[in-house]
Amino acid sequence: MAGDYDVVAYPDGRWWTFEISALSAPSPRGGDRRIVAMGQAPTAAQVPAEARALAALWTEDPDVRVRVSYRVPETIRQAIEQAAAREQAGREALNEAATLRRQAAKQLTSKGMTQADAAAVLGVSRQRVQQLVA
């Protein structure tokens, strides 16, 4: 069974440095010091592949999985979270709008209105009304 590892990546000059804190070894200097598995990738998009390769090397398991989180300044992290929340709200609003439009199309056609007339009322094509009532 493959291991799952959390990876933290952060910009480091022109590269991205990443750490896999669950993978560590005793320091050759002794004491309580540990060496944590670390690596670099030239782009953020390459971090997952590089992290998987490093974890596979450390664990001798070619089927490891990684979950990468990117450490960025707080203001950027907040903007990313706000964007994701608004996108989710937008998807929910679109789903609700589609349900309402479907209900309206079904109600219009069930009262004897042609699909062409329902399309004009709804502001969509006749083909879209046909899809909505199907």
N, C-alpha and C. Protein backbone atom coordinates (compact mmCIF):
# COMPACT_ATOMS: atom_id res chain seq x y z
N MET A 1 0.85 -1.19 0.00
CA MET A 1 0.00 0.00 0.00
C MET A 1 0.89 1.24 0.00
N ALA A 2 0.57 2.17 -0.85
CA ALA A 2 1.37 3.38 -0.99
C ALA A 2 1.16 4.30 0.20
N GLY A 3 2.22 5.02 0.53
CA GLY A 3 2.13 6.01 1.59
C GLY A 3 1.65 7.35 1.04
N ASP A 4 0.99 8.11 1.89
CA ASP A 4 0.55 9.46 1.55
C ASP A 4 1.39 10.44 2.34
N TYR A 5 1.90 11.46 1.67
CA TYR A 5 2.78 12.41 2.34
C TYR A 5 2.34 13.84 2.04
N ASP A 6 2.32 14.65 3.09
CA ASP A 6 2.04 16.08 2.94
C ASP A 6 3.35 16.78 2.61
N VAL A 7 3.29 17.65 1.64
CA VAL A 7 4.46 18.38 1.17
C VAL A 7 4.16 19.86 1.29
N VAL A 8 5.12 20.61 1.81
CA VAL A 8 4.99 22.06 1.88
C VAL A 8 6.03 22.64 0.94
N ALA A 9 5.57 23.46 -0.01
CA ALA A 9 6.47 24.08 -0.99
C ALA A 9 6.41 25.59 -0.84
N TYR A 10 7.54 26.22 -1.10
CA TYR A 10 7.60 27.68 -1.00
C TYR A 10 8.63 28.22 -1.99
N PRO A 11 8.39 29.44 -2.49
CA PRO A 11 9.35 30.01 -3.43
C PRO A 11 10.67 30.28 -2.72
N ASP A 12 11.74 30.01 -3.43
CA ASP A 12 13.10 30.17 -2.88
C ASP A 12 13.97 30.68 -4.02
N GLY A 13 13.97 31.99 -4.20
CA GLY A 13 14.65 32.57 -5.34
C GLY A 13 13.90 32.22 -6.61
N ARG A 14 14.61 31.67 -7.58
CA ARG A 14 13.97 31.29 -8.85
C ARG A 14 13.42 29.87 -8.81
N TRP A 15 13.58 29.18 -7.70
CA TRP A 15 13.16 27.79 -7.57
C TRP A 15 12.07 27.67 -6.52
N TRP A 16 11.49 26.49 -6.44
CA TRP A 16 10.56 26.15 -5.38
C TRP A 16 11.22 25.09 -4.53
N THR A 17 11.33 25.34 -3.24
CA THR A 17 11.85 24.36 -2.29
C THR A 17 10.66 23.68 -1.64
N PHE A 18 10.81 22.39 -1.39
CA PHE A 18 9.73 21.67 -0.73
C PHE A 18 10.29 20.77 0.36
N GLU A 19 9.45 20.52 1.35
CA GLU A 19 9.81 19.69 2.49
C GLU A 19 8.74 18.62 2.70
N ILE A 20 9.20 17.44 3.08
CA ILE A 20 8.29 16.35 3.43
C ILE A 20 8.63 15.99 4.87
N SER A 21 7.99 16.67 5.81
CA SER A 21 8.38 16.53 7.21
C SER A 21 8.19 15.13 7.77
N ALA A 22 7.29 14.35 7.19
CA ALA A 22 7.07 12.98 7.68
C ALA A 22 8.25 12.07 7.35
N LEU A 23 9.08 12.50 6.43
CA LEU A 23 10.26 11.71 6.07
C LEU A 23 11.49 12.40 6.64
N SER A 24 12.09 11.77 7.61
CA SER A 24 13.28 12.36 8.24
C SER A 24 14.21 11.24 8.71
N ALA A 25 15.43 11.65 9.00
CA ALA A 25 16.44 10.71 9.48
C ALA A 25 17.27 11.40 10.55
N PRO A 26 17.91 10.65 11.43
CA PRO A 26 18.76 11.27 12.45
C PRO A 26 19.90 12.05 11.80
N SER A 27 20.24 13.16 12.41
CA SER A 27 21.36 13.97 11.93
C SER A 27 22.67 13.27 12.27
N PRO A 28 23.65 13.34 11.36
CA PRO A 28 24.96 12.76 11.68
C PRO A 28 25.63 13.47 12.86
N ARG A 29 25.15 14.65 13.20
CA ARG A 29 25.69 15.40 14.34
C ARG A 29 25.13 14.89 15.67
N GLY A 30 24.16 14.00 15.58
CA GLY A 30 23.61 13.40 16.79
C GLY A 30 22.59 14.29 17.48
N GLY A 31 22.30 13.93 18.70
CA GLY A 31 21.32 14.66 19.48
C GLY A 31 19.92 14.46 18.95
N ASP A 32 19.07 15.44 19.21
CA ASP A 32 17.68 15.37 18.77
C ASP A 32 17.49 15.91 17.35
N ARG A 33 18.56 16.29 16.70
CA ARG A 33 18.46 16.87 15.37
C ARG A 33 18.06 15.81 14.35
N ARG A 34 17.24 16.26 13.39
CA ARG A 34 16.78 15.37 12.33
C ARG A 34 17.01 16.05 10.98
N ILE A 35 17.22 15.25 9.98
CA ILE A 35 17.30 15.74 8.61
C ILE A 35 15.95 15.45 7.96
N VAL A 36 15.32 16.48 7.45
CA VAL A 36 14.01 16.34 6.82
C VAL A 36 14.22 16.23 5.31
N ALA A 37 13.43 15.38 4.68
CA ALA A 37 13.49 15.23 3.23
C ALA A 37 13.11 16.55 2.57
N MET A 38 14.02 17.07 1.76
CA MET A 38 13.80 18.35 1.08
C MET A 38 14.24 18.21 -0.37
N GLY A 39 13.64 19.00 -1.21
CA GLY A 39 14.03 19.02 -2.61
C GLY A 39 13.67 20.34 -3.23
N GLN A 40 13.98 20.46 -4.51
CA GLN A 40 13.67 21.68 -5.24
C GLN A 40 13.10 21.32 -6.60
N ALA A 41 12.33 22.27 -7.12
CA ALA A 41 11.79 22.15 -8.48
C ALA A 41 11.86 23.54 -9.11
N PRO A 42 12.09 23.59 -10.41
CA PRO A 42 12.20 24.90 -11.06
C PRO A 42 10.88 25.66 -11.15
N THR A 43 9.74 24.93 -11.10
CA THR A 43 8.44 25.59 -11.15
C THR A 43 7.51 24.96 -10.11
N ALA A 44 6.49 25.69 -9.72
CA ALA A 44 5.51 25.16 -8.77
C ALA A 44 4.80 23.95 -9.36
N ALA A 45 4.56 23.97 -10.67
CA ALA A 45 3.86 22.86 -11.31
C ALA A 45 4.66 21.57 -11.26
N GLN A 46 5.98 21.66 -11.13
CA GLN A 46 6.82 20.47 -11.10
C GLN A 46 7.04 19.92 -9.68
N VAL A 47 6.59 20.65 -8.68
CA VAL A 47 6.78 20.21 -7.30
C VAL A 47 6.17 18.83 -7.04
N PRO A 48 4.90 18.57 -7.42
CA PRO A 48 4.34 17.25 -7.11
C PRO A 48 5.18 16.08 -7.65
N ALA A 49 5.62 16.18 -8.89
CA ALA A 49 6.41 15.09 -9.48
C ALA A 49 7.75 14.93 -8.76
N GLU A 50 8.39 16.05 -8.47
CA GLU A 50 9.68 15.99 -7.78
C GLU A 50 9.51 15.45 -6.35
N ALA A 51 8.43 15.85 -5.70
CA ALA A 51 8.17 15.38 -4.33
C ALA A 51 7.87 13.88 -4.33
N ARG A 52 7.09 13.42 -5.32
CA ARG A 52 6.83 11.97 -5.42
C ARG A 52 8.13 11.21 -5.63
N ALA A 53 8.99 11.72 -6.50
CA ALA A 53 10.27 11.05 -6.76
C ALA A 53 11.12 11.00 -5.50
N LEU A 54 11.16 12.09 -4.75
CA LEU A 54 11.95 12.11 -3.52
C LEU A 54 11.37 11.16 -2.48
N ALA A 55 10.05 11.18 -2.32
CA ALA A 55 9.41 10.28 -1.35
C ALA A 55 9.63 8.83 -1.74
N ALA A 56 9.55 8.53 -3.03
CA ALA A 56 9.78 7.16 -3.50
C ALA A 56 11.22 6.74 -3.20
N LEU A 57 12.14 7.66 -3.35
CA LEU A 57 13.55 7.36 -3.06
C LEU A 57 13.75 7.09 -1.57
N TRP A 58 13.17 7.92 -0.73
CA TRP A 58 13.32 7.76 0.72
C TRP A 58 12.66 6.49 1.23
N THR A 59 11.51 6.16 0.66
CA THR A 59 10.73 5.04 1.20
C THR A 59 10.92 3.73 0.43
N GLU A 60 11.57 3.83 -0.73
CA GLU A 60 11.73 2.69 -1.63
C GLU A 60 10.36 2.13 -2.05
N ASP A 61 9.39 3.02 -2.15
CA ASP A 61 8.02 2.67 -2.57
C ASP A 61 7.68 3.52 -3.78
N PRO A 62 7.59 2.93 -4.96
CA PRO A 62 7.32 3.72 -6.16
C PRO A 62 5.89 4.24 -6.26
N ASP A 63 5.00 3.79 -5.39
CA ASP A 63 3.60 4.17 -5.47
C ASP A 63 3.17 5.21 -4.44
N VAL A 64 4.10 6.02 -3.96
CA VAL A 64 3.74 7.03 -2.97
C VAL A 64 2.84 8.10 -3.59
N ARG A 65 2.05 8.73 -2.74
CA ARG A 65 1.19 9.84 -3.15
C ARG A 65 1.55 11.05 -2.30
N VAL A 66 1.45 12.22 -2.90
CA VAL A 66 1.77 13.44 -2.16
C VAL A 66 0.63 14.44 -2.30
N ARG A 67 0.47 15.23 -1.25
CA ARG A 67 -0.47 16.35 -1.24
C ARG A 67 0.36 17.60 -1.02
N VAL A 68 0.42 18.46 -2.02
CA VAL A 68 1.27 19.64 -1.94
C VAL A 68 0.45 20.85 -1.51
N SER A 69 0.97 21.58 -0.54
CA SER A 69 0.41 22.88 -0.20
C SER A 69 1.52 23.90 -0.43
N TYR A 70 1.14 25.02 -1.00
CA TYR A 70 2.10 26.05 -1.35
C TYR A 70 2.05 27.17 -0.32
N ARG A 71 3.18 27.46 0.25
CA ARG A 71 3.27 28.53 1.25
C ARG A 71 3.55 29.84 0.50
N VAL A 72 2.58 30.76 0.61
CA VAL A 72 2.70 32.07 -0.02
C VAL A 72 2.35 33.12 1.02
N PRO A 73 2.65 34.39 0.75
CA PRO A 73 2.31 35.44 1.72
C PRO A 73 0.81 35.42 2.07
N GLU A 74 0.51 35.81 3.28
CA GLU A 74 -0.86 35.76 3.82
C GLU A 74 -1.86 36.48 2.93
N THR A 75 -1.52 37.64 2.41
CA THR A 75 -2.46 38.38 1.57
C THR A 75 -2.80 37.61 0.29
N ILE A 76 -1.84 36.91 -0.25
CA ILE A 76 -2.08 36.10 -1.45
C ILE A 76 -2.92 34.89 -1.10
N ARG A 77 -2.62 34.24 0.02
CA ARG A 77 -3.39 33.08 0.46
C ARG A 77 -4.85 33.46 0.66
N GLN A 78 -5.09 34.63 1.28
CA GLN A 78 -6.46 35.09 1.50
C GLN A 78 -7.18 35.34 0.18
N ALA A 79 -6.48 35.94 -0.79
CA ALA A 79 -7.08 36.20 -2.09
C ALA A 79 -7.45 34.88 -2.78
N ILE A 80 -6.58 33.88 -2.68
CA ILE A 80 -6.85 32.58 -3.28
C ILE A 80 -8.07 31.94 -2.63
N GLU A 81 -8.16 32.00 -1.31
CA GLU A 81 -9.30 31.41 -0.60
C GLU A 81 -10.59 32.14 -0.93
N GLN A 82 -10.54 33.47 -1.01
CA GLN A 82 -11.74 34.24 -1.36
C GLN A 82 -12.19 33.91 -2.78
N ALA A 83 -11.24 33.79 -3.70
CA ALA A 83 -11.59 33.45 -5.08
C ALA A 83 -12.25 32.08 -5.14
N ALA A 84 -11.70 31.11 -4.42
CA ALA A 84 -12.27 29.76 -4.42
C ALA A 84 -13.68 29.78 -3.84
N ALA A 85 -13.89 30.54 -2.77
CA ALA A 85 -15.23 30.62 -2.15
C ALA A 85 -16.23 31.26 -3.12
N ARG A 86 -15.80 32.30 -3.81
CA ARG A 86 -16.71 32.95 -4.75
C ARG A 86 -17.00 32.06 -5.96
N GLU A 87 -16.00 31.31 -6.41
CA GLU A 87 -16.24 30.38 -7.51
C GLU A 87 -17.25 29.31 -7.09
N GLN A 88 -17.12 28.80 -5.88
CA GLN A 88 -18.07 27.81 -5.38
C GLN A 88 -19.47 28.40 -5.29
N ALA A 89 -19.58 29.62 -4.79
CA ALA A 89 -20.88 30.28 -4.70
C ALA A 89 -21.46 30.48 -6.10
N GLY A 90 -20.60 30.81 -7.05
CA GLY A 90 -21.06 31.00 -8.43
C GLY A 90 -21.58 29.70 -9.03
N ARG A 91 -20.86 28.58 -8.78
CA ARG A 91 -21.32 27.29 -9.27
C ARG A 91 -22.68 26.93 -8.66
N GLU A 92 -22.83 27.19 -7.37
CA GLU A 92 -24.10 26.91 -6.71
C GLU A 92 -25.22 27.77 -7.29
N ALA A 93 -24.93 29.05 -7.57
CA ALA A 93 -25.93 29.94 -8.15
C ALA A 93 -26.31 29.48 -9.56
N LEU A 94 -25.32 29.04 -10.34
CA LEU A 94 -25.61 28.53 -11.68
C LEU A 94 -26.47 27.27 -11.64
N ASN A 95 -26.18 26.38 -10.70
CA ASN A 95 -26.99 25.17 -10.55
C ASN A 95 -28.43 25.52 -10.18
N GLU A 96 -28.58 26.48 -9.28
CA GLU A 96 -29.92 26.91 -8.88
C GLU A 96 -30.65 27.55 -10.05
N ALA A 97 -29.93 28.37 -10.84
CA ALA A 97 -30.54 29.01 -12.00
C ALA A 97 -30.98 27.95 -13.02
N ALA A 98 -30.17 26.94 -13.22
CA ALA A 98 -30.53 25.87 -14.17
C ALA A 98 -31.77 25.13 -13.71
N THR A 99 -31.86 24.87 -12.41
CA THR A 99 -33.05 24.19 -11.87
C THR A 99 -34.29 25.04 -12.07
N LEU A 100 -34.18 26.32 -11.78
CA LEU A 100 -35.33 27.22 -11.96
C LEU A 100 -35.74 27.33 -13.43
N ARG A 101 -34.76 27.43 -14.33
CA ARG A 101 -35.07 27.52 -15.76
C ARG A 101 -35.74 26.23 -16.24
N ARG A 102 -35.26 25.09 -15.76
CA ARG A 102 -35.86 23.80 -16.12
C ARG A 102 -37.32 23.75 -15.65
N GLN A 103 -37.55 24.19 -14.42
CA GLN A 103 -38.92 24.21 -13.89
C GLN A 103 -39.81 25.12 -14.72
N ALA A 104 -39.29 26.29 -15.07
CA ALA A 104 -40.09 27.24 -15.86
C ALA A 104 -40.40 26.66 -17.24
N ALA A 105 -39.43 26.05 -17.88
CA ALA A 105 -39.65 25.47 -19.20
C ALA A 105 -40.69 24.36 -19.13
N LYS A 106 -40.61 23.53 -18.12
CA LYS A 106 -41.58 22.44 -17.98
C LYS A 106 -42.98 23.00 -17.71
N GLN A 107 -43.08 24.03 -16.89
CA GLN A 107 -44.38 24.62 -16.59
C GLN A 107 -44.99 25.27 -17.82
N LEU A 108 -44.16 25.98 -18.59
CA LEU A 108 -44.68 26.66 -19.80
C LEU A 108 -45.19 25.63 -20.81
N THR A 109 -44.40 24.59 -21.06
CA THR A 109 -44.82 23.61 -22.07
C THR A 109 -45.96 22.73 -21.57
N SER A 110 -46.02 22.50 -20.27
CA SER A 110 -47.12 21.68 -19.74
C SER A 110 -48.46 22.41 -19.86
N LYS A 111 -48.44 23.71 -20.01
CA LYS A 111 -49.67 24.50 -20.15
C LYS A 111 -50.04 24.68 -21.63
N GLY A 112 -49.36 23.91 -22.52
CA GLY A 112 -49.72 23.93 -23.93
C GLY A 112 -48.91 24.88 -24.78
N MET A 113 -47.97 25.59 -24.21
CA MET A 113 -47.15 26.51 -24.98
C MET A 113 -46.17 25.70 -25.83
N THR A 114 -45.96 26.15 -27.07
CA THR A 114 -45.00 25.45 -27.91
C THR A 114 -43.59 25.67 -27.38
N GLN A 115 -42.69 24.79 -27.78
CA GLN A 115 -41.29 24.95 -27.36
C GLN A 115 -40.70 26.23 -27.94
N ALA A 116 -41.11 26.60 -29.14
CA ALA A 116 -40.61 27.84 -29.76
C ALA A 116 -41.06 29.05 -28.94
N ASP A 117 -42.33 29.06 -28.50
CA ASP A 117 -42.82 30.18 -27.69
C ASP A 117 -42.15 30.19 -26.31
N ALA A 118 -41.99 29.01 -25.71
CA ALA A 118 -41.31 28.93 -24.42
C ALA A 118 -39.88 29.44 -24.55
N ALA A 119 -39.24 29.14 -25.67
CA ALA A 119 -37.87 29.61 -25.90
C ALA A 119 -37.82 31.13 -25.93
N ALA A 120 -38.79 31.75 -26.62
CA ALA A 120 -38.84 33.21 -26.69
C ALA A 120 -39.05 33.81 -25.31
N VAL A 121 -39.94 33.21 -24.53
CA VAL A 121 -40.22 33.72 -23.18
C VAL A 121 -39.00 33.59 -22.28
N LEU A 122 -38.31 32.46 -22.39
CA LEU A 122 -37.15 32.20 -21.54
C LEU A 122 -35.87 32.86 -22.03
N GLY A 123 -35.85 33.28 -23.29
CA GLY A 123 -34.65 33.89 -23.83
C GLY A 123 -33.57 32.88 -24.18
N VAL A 124 -33.99 31.67 -24.58
CA VAL A 124 -33.06 30.61 -24.97
C VAL A 124 -33.52 30.06 -26.31
N SER A 125 -32.75 29.16 -26.87
CA SER A 125 -33.13 28.56 -28.15
C SER A 125 -34.20 27.49 -27.94
N ARG A 126 -34.91 27.16 -29.04
CA ARG A 126 -35.91 26.10 -28.96
C ARG A 126 -35.24 24.78 -28.61
N GLN A 127 -34.01 24.57 -29.13
CA GLN A 127 -33.28 23.34 -28.80
C GLN A 127 -32.98 23.26 -27.30
N ARG A 128 -32.69 24.42 -26.71
CA ARG A 128 -32.41 24.42 -25.26
C ARG A 128 -33.68 24.08 -24.48
N VAL A 129 -34.81 24.58 -24.90
CA VAL A 129 -36.08 24.23 -24.24
C VAL A 129 -36.30 22.74 -24.37
N GLN A 130 -36.03 22.18 -25.53
CA GLN A 130 -36.20 20.74 -25.74
C GLN A 130 -35.34 19.98 -24.73
N GLN A 131 -34.10 20.44 -24.52
CA GLN A 131 -33.21 19.79 -23.53
C GLN A 131 -33.76 19.95 -22.12
N LEU A 132 -34.26 21.13 -21.81
CA LEU A 132 -34.74 21.41 -20.46
C LEU A 132 -35.95 20.56 -20.08
N VAL A 133 -36.82 20.31 -21.02
CA VAL A 133 -38.04 19.57 -20.70
C VAL A 133 -37.85 18.06 -20.84
N ALA A 134 -36.75 17.63 -21.42
CA ALA A 134 -36.50 16.19 -21.63
C ALA A 134 -36.26 15.50 -20.30
